[in-house]
Amino acid sequence: MPNYSYECQDCQNIFEIRVSIKDMEKREFTCNKCGSSNTRRLFNGFSYCGNSSSYKGNAGGCSSCHGGNCSACKH
């Protein structure tokens, strides 16, 4: 299941929710600090590491390891 980050617009608390994509679309999440439902979903970037001919990025590793040695880089 993916993690989604939210920010409370009332207290600026940032929190994560782990929920299925299907359930995420149906629910409104409340702040775990103040209980407000005035929350906004944050965009979390994603990365891809690999040796794919369709991938035009750094095939030598991701921005974390730069060499293909981390668990995200499966060569």
N, C-alpha and C. Protein backbone atom coordinates (compact mmCIF):
# COMPACT_ATOMS: atom_id res chain seq x y z
N MET A 1 0.83 -1.18 0.00
CA MET A 1 0.00 0.00 0.00
C MET A 1 0.88 1.25 0.00
N PRO A 2 0.47 2.24 -0.73
CA PRO A 2 1.26 3.48 -0.77
C PRO A 2 1.06 4.34 0.47
N ASN A 3 2.05 5.17 0.73
CA ASN A 3 1.97 6.19 1.78
C ASN A 3 1.62 7.51 1.12
N TYR A 4 0.75 8.26 1.76
CA TYR A 4 0.38 9.59 1.30
C TYR A 4 0.68 10.58 2.41
N SER A 5 1.29 11.70 2.06
CA SER A 5 1.60 12.74 3.03
C SER A 5 0.54 13.82 2.96
N TYR A 6 0.13 14.29 4.13
CA TYR A 6 -0.85 15.35 4.25
C TYR A 6 -0.29 16.43 5.17
N GLU A 7 -0.75 17.66 4.94
CA GLU A 7 -0.41 18.77 5.83
C GLU A 7 -1.71 19.36 6.36
N CYS A 8 -1.76 19.56 7.67
CA CYS A 8 -2.90 20.20 8.28
C CYS A 8 -2.81 21.70 8.01
N GLN A 9 -3.86 22.28 7.48
CA GLN A 9 -3.88 23.70 7.16
C GLN A 9 -4.10 24.55 8.40
N ASP A 10 -4.50 23.93 9.52
CA ASP A 10 -4.73 24.67 10.76
C ASP A 10 -3.48 24.73 11.64
N CYS A 11 -2.79 23.60 11.81
CA CYS A 11 -1.62 23.58 12.72
C CYS A 11 -0.30 23.29 11.99
N GLN A 12 -0.34 23.12 10.67
CA GLN A 12 0.82 22.86 9.83
C GLN A 12 1.54 21.53 10.14
N ASN A 13 0.87 20.64 10.84
CA ASN A 13 1.43 19.32 11.10
C ASN A 13 1.45 18.52 9.80
N ILE A 14 2.56 17.85 9.53
CA ILE A 14 2.67 16.97 8.36
C ILE A 14 2.64 15.53 8.86
N PHE A 15 1.76 14.74 8.25
CA PHE A 15 1.61 13.35 8.69
C PHE A 15 1.41 12.46 7.48
N GLU A 16 1.66 11.17 7.66
CA GLU A 16 1.53 10.20 6.58
C GLU A 16 0.37 9.25 6.87
N ILE A 17 -0.29 8.86 5.80
CA ILE A 17 -1.37 7.88 5.85
C ILE A 17 -0.97 6.74 4.92
N ARG A 18 -1.09 5.52 5.39
CA ARG A 18 -0.85 4.34 4.55
C ARG A 18 -2.20 3.70 4.26
N VAL A 19 -2.61 3.79 3.01
CA VAL A 19 -3.94 3.32 2.63
C VAL A 19 -3.92 2.93 1.15
N SER A 20 -4.81 2.05 0.77
CA SER A 20 -4.89 1.65 -0.64
C SER A 20 -5.34 2.83 -1.49
N ILE A 21 -5.00 2.80 -2.76
CA ILE A 21 -5.39 3.87 -3.68
C ILE A 21 -6.91 3.99 -3.72
N LYS A 22 -7.60 2.87 -3.76
CA LYS A 22 -9.06 2.87 -3.81
C LYS A 22 -9.66 3.55 -2.58
N ASP A 23 -9.16 3.21 -1.39
CA ASP A 23 -9.69 3.80 -0.17
C ASP A 23 -9.28 5.26 -0.01
N MET A 24 -8.11 5.63 -0.52
CA MET A 24 -7.64 7.00 -0.41
C MET A 24 -8.57 7.96 -1.13
N GLU A 25 -9.11 7.55 -2.27
CA GLU A 25 -10.00 8.40 -3.05
C GLU A 25 -11.34 8.63 -2.34
N LYS A 26 -11.74 7.74 -1.47
CA LYS A 26 -13.05 7.80 -0.83
C LYS A 26 -13.04 8.55 0.51
N ARG A 27 -11.87 8.70 1.13
CA ARG A 27 -11.81 9.17 2.51
C ARG A 27 -11.28 10.58 2.64
N GLU A 28 -11.67 11.23 3.71
CA GLU A 28 -11.11 12.50 4.12
C GLU A 28 -10.32 12.22 5.40
N PHE A 29 -9.09 12.68 5.46
CA PHE A 29 -8.24 12.36 6.59
C PHE A 29 -8.13 13.54 7.54
N THR A 30 -8.10 13.24 8.82
CA THR A 30 -7.98 14.28 9.83
C THR A 30 -6.57 14.29 10.40
N CYS A 31 -6.16 15.46 10.87
CA CYS A 31 -4.84 15.65 11.45
C CYS A 31 -4.72 14.82 12.72
N ASN A 32 -3.62 14.10 12.85
CA ASN A 32 -3.42 13.28 14.03
C ASN A 32 -2.92 14.10 15.23
N LYS A 33 -2.66 15.39 15.03
CA LYS A 33 -2.22 16.26 16.12
C LYS A 33 -3.38 17.08 16.70
N CYS A 34 -4.15 17.75 15.82
CA CYS A 34 -5.22 18.63 16.32
C CYS A 34 -6.62 18.13 15.99
N GLY A 35 -6.74 17.14 15.13
CA GLY A 35 -8.04 16.58 14.79
C GLY A 35 -8.79 17.31 13.68
N SER A 36 -8.18 18.33 13.10
CA SER A 36 -8.83 19.10 12.04
C SER A 36 -8.96 18.26 10.77
N SER A 37 -10.04 18.48 10.04
CA SER A 37 -10.20 17.83 8.74
C SER A 37 -9.79 18.77 7.61
N ASN A 38 -9.24 19.92 7.96
CA ASN A 38 -8.76 20.90 6.99
C ASN A 38 -7.34 20.52 6.58
N THR A 39 -7.23 19.44 5.79
CA THR A 39 -5.93 18.91 5.40
C THR A 39 -5.75 18.99 3.89
N ARG A 40 -4.49 18.95 3.49
CA ARG A 40 -4.15 19.03 2.07
C ARG A 40 -3.12 17.94 1.77
N ARG A 41 -3.37 17.19 0.73
CA ARG A 41 -2.42 16.14 0.33
C ARG A 41 -1.20 16.78 -0.30
N LEU A 42 -0.01 16.32 0.10
CA LEU A 42 1.25 16.81 -0.43
C LEU A 42 1.73 15.88 -1.53
N PHE A 43 2.43 16.42 -2.48
CA PHE A 43 3.00 15.59 -3.53
C PHE A 43 4.34 15.05 -3.05
N ASN A 44 4.49 13.76 -3.08
CA ASN A 44 5.76 13.11 -2.78
C ASN A 44 6.34 12.66 -4.11
N GLY A 45 7.53 13.08 -4.39
CA GLY A 45 8.18 12.65 -5.63
C GLY A 45 8.44 11.16 -5.59
N PHE A 46 8.76 10.64 -6.71
CA PHE A 46 9.11 9.23 -6.80
C PHE A 46 10.38 9.11 -7.60
N SER A 47 11.02 7.99 -7.46
CA SER A 47 12.24 7.78 -8.23
C SER A 47 12.21 6.40 -8.85
N TYR A 48 13.03 6.25 -9.85
CA TYR A 48 13.12 4.97 -10.53
C TYR A 48 14.60 4.70 -10.80
N CYS A 49 15.04 3.52 -10.49
CA CYS A 49 16.40 3.13 -10.81
C CYS A 49 16.32 1.83 -11.60
N GLY A 50 17.15 1.70 -12.60
CA GLY A 50 17.16 0.47 -13.34
C GLY A 50 17.88 0.60 -14.66
N ASN A 51 18.10 -0.51 -15.30
CA ASN A 51 18.75 -0.56 -16.61
C ASN A 51 17.72 -0.92 -17.66
N SER A 52 16.82 -0.02 -17.94
CA SER A 52 15.79 -0.26 -18.94
C SER A 52 16.11 0.57 -20.17
N SER A 53 15.94 0.00 -21.33
CA SER A 53 16.21 0.74 -22.56
C SER A 53 15.21 1.87 -22.75
N SER A 54 14.05 1.79 -22.10
CA SER A 54 13.07 2.86 -22.21
C SER A 54 13.30 3.97 -21.20
N TYR A 55 14.19 3.73 -20.25
CA TYR A 55 14.49 4.73 -19.22
C TYR A 55 15.69 5.54 -19.66
N LYS A 56 15.56 6.85 -19.70
CA LYS A 56 16.61 7.72 -20.20
C LYS A 56 17.32 8.46 -19.07
N GLY A 57 17.41 7.87 -17.91
CA GLY A 57 18.03 8.54 -16.75
C GLY A 57 19.39 7.96 -16.44
N ASN A 58 19.81 8.14 -15.21
CA ASN A 58 21.11 7.67 -14.74
C ASN A 58 21.01 6.18 -14.43
N ALA A 59 21.50 5.34 -15.31
CA ALA A 59 21.42 3.89 -15.12
C ALA A 59 22.45 3.40 -14.13
N GLY A 60 23.32 4.29 -13.64
CA GLY A 60 24.35 3.90 -12.68
C GLY A 60 23.88 3.92 -11.25
N GLY A 61 22.65 4.27 -11.00
CA GLY A 61 22.14 4.31 -9.64
C GLY A 61 21.19 5.47 -9.45
N CYS A 62 20.59 5.50 -8.28
CA CYS A 62 19.65 6.58 -8.00
C CYS A 62 20.37 7.75 -7.34
N SER A 63 19.61 8.78 -7.02
CA SER A 63 20.21 9.96 -6.41
C SER A 63 20.72 9.69 -5.00
N SER A 64 20.29 8.59 -4.40
CA SER A 64 20.75 8.27 -3.05
C SER A 64 22.09 7.55 -3.04
N CYS A 65 22.27 6.58 -3.95
CA CYS A 65 23.48 5.77 -3.89
C CYS A 65 24.45 6.04 -5.03
N HIS A 66 23.98 6.59 -6.13
CA HIS A 66 24.80 6.93 -7.30
C HIS A 66 25.59 5.76 -7.86
N GLY A 67 25.30 4.56 -7.44
CA GLY A 67 26.07 3.45 -7.96
C GLY A 67 25.27 2.18 -8.14
N GLY A 68 23.99 2.22 -7.88
CA GLY A 68 23.17 1.04 -8.07
C GLY A 68 23.31 0.03 -6.94
N ASN A 69 23.71 0.48 -5.75
CA ASN A 69 23.94 -0.45 -4.66
C ASN A 69 22.89 -0.40 -3.57
N CYS A 70 21.87 0.40 -3.70
CA CYS A 70 20.85 0.45 -2.66
C CYS A 70 19.71 -0.51 -2.99
N SER A 71 18.79 -0.68 -2.05
CA SER A 71 17.69 -1.63 -2.27
C SER A 71 16.71 -1.14 -3.33
N ALA A 72 16.69 0.17 -3.63
CA ALA A 72 15.79 0.68 -4.65
C ALA A 72 16.31 0.41 -6.06
N CYS A 73 17.61 0.20 -6.18
CA CYS A 73 18.24 -0.03 -7.50
C CYS A 73 18.44 -1.52 -7.69
N LYS A 74 17.59 -2.11 -8.48
CA LYS A 74 17.68 -3.55 -8.73
C LYS A 74 18.16 -3.75 -10.15
N HIS A 75 19.45 -3.97 -10.31
CA HIS A 75 20.06 -4.14 -11.64
C HIS A 75 20.25 -5.61 -11.92
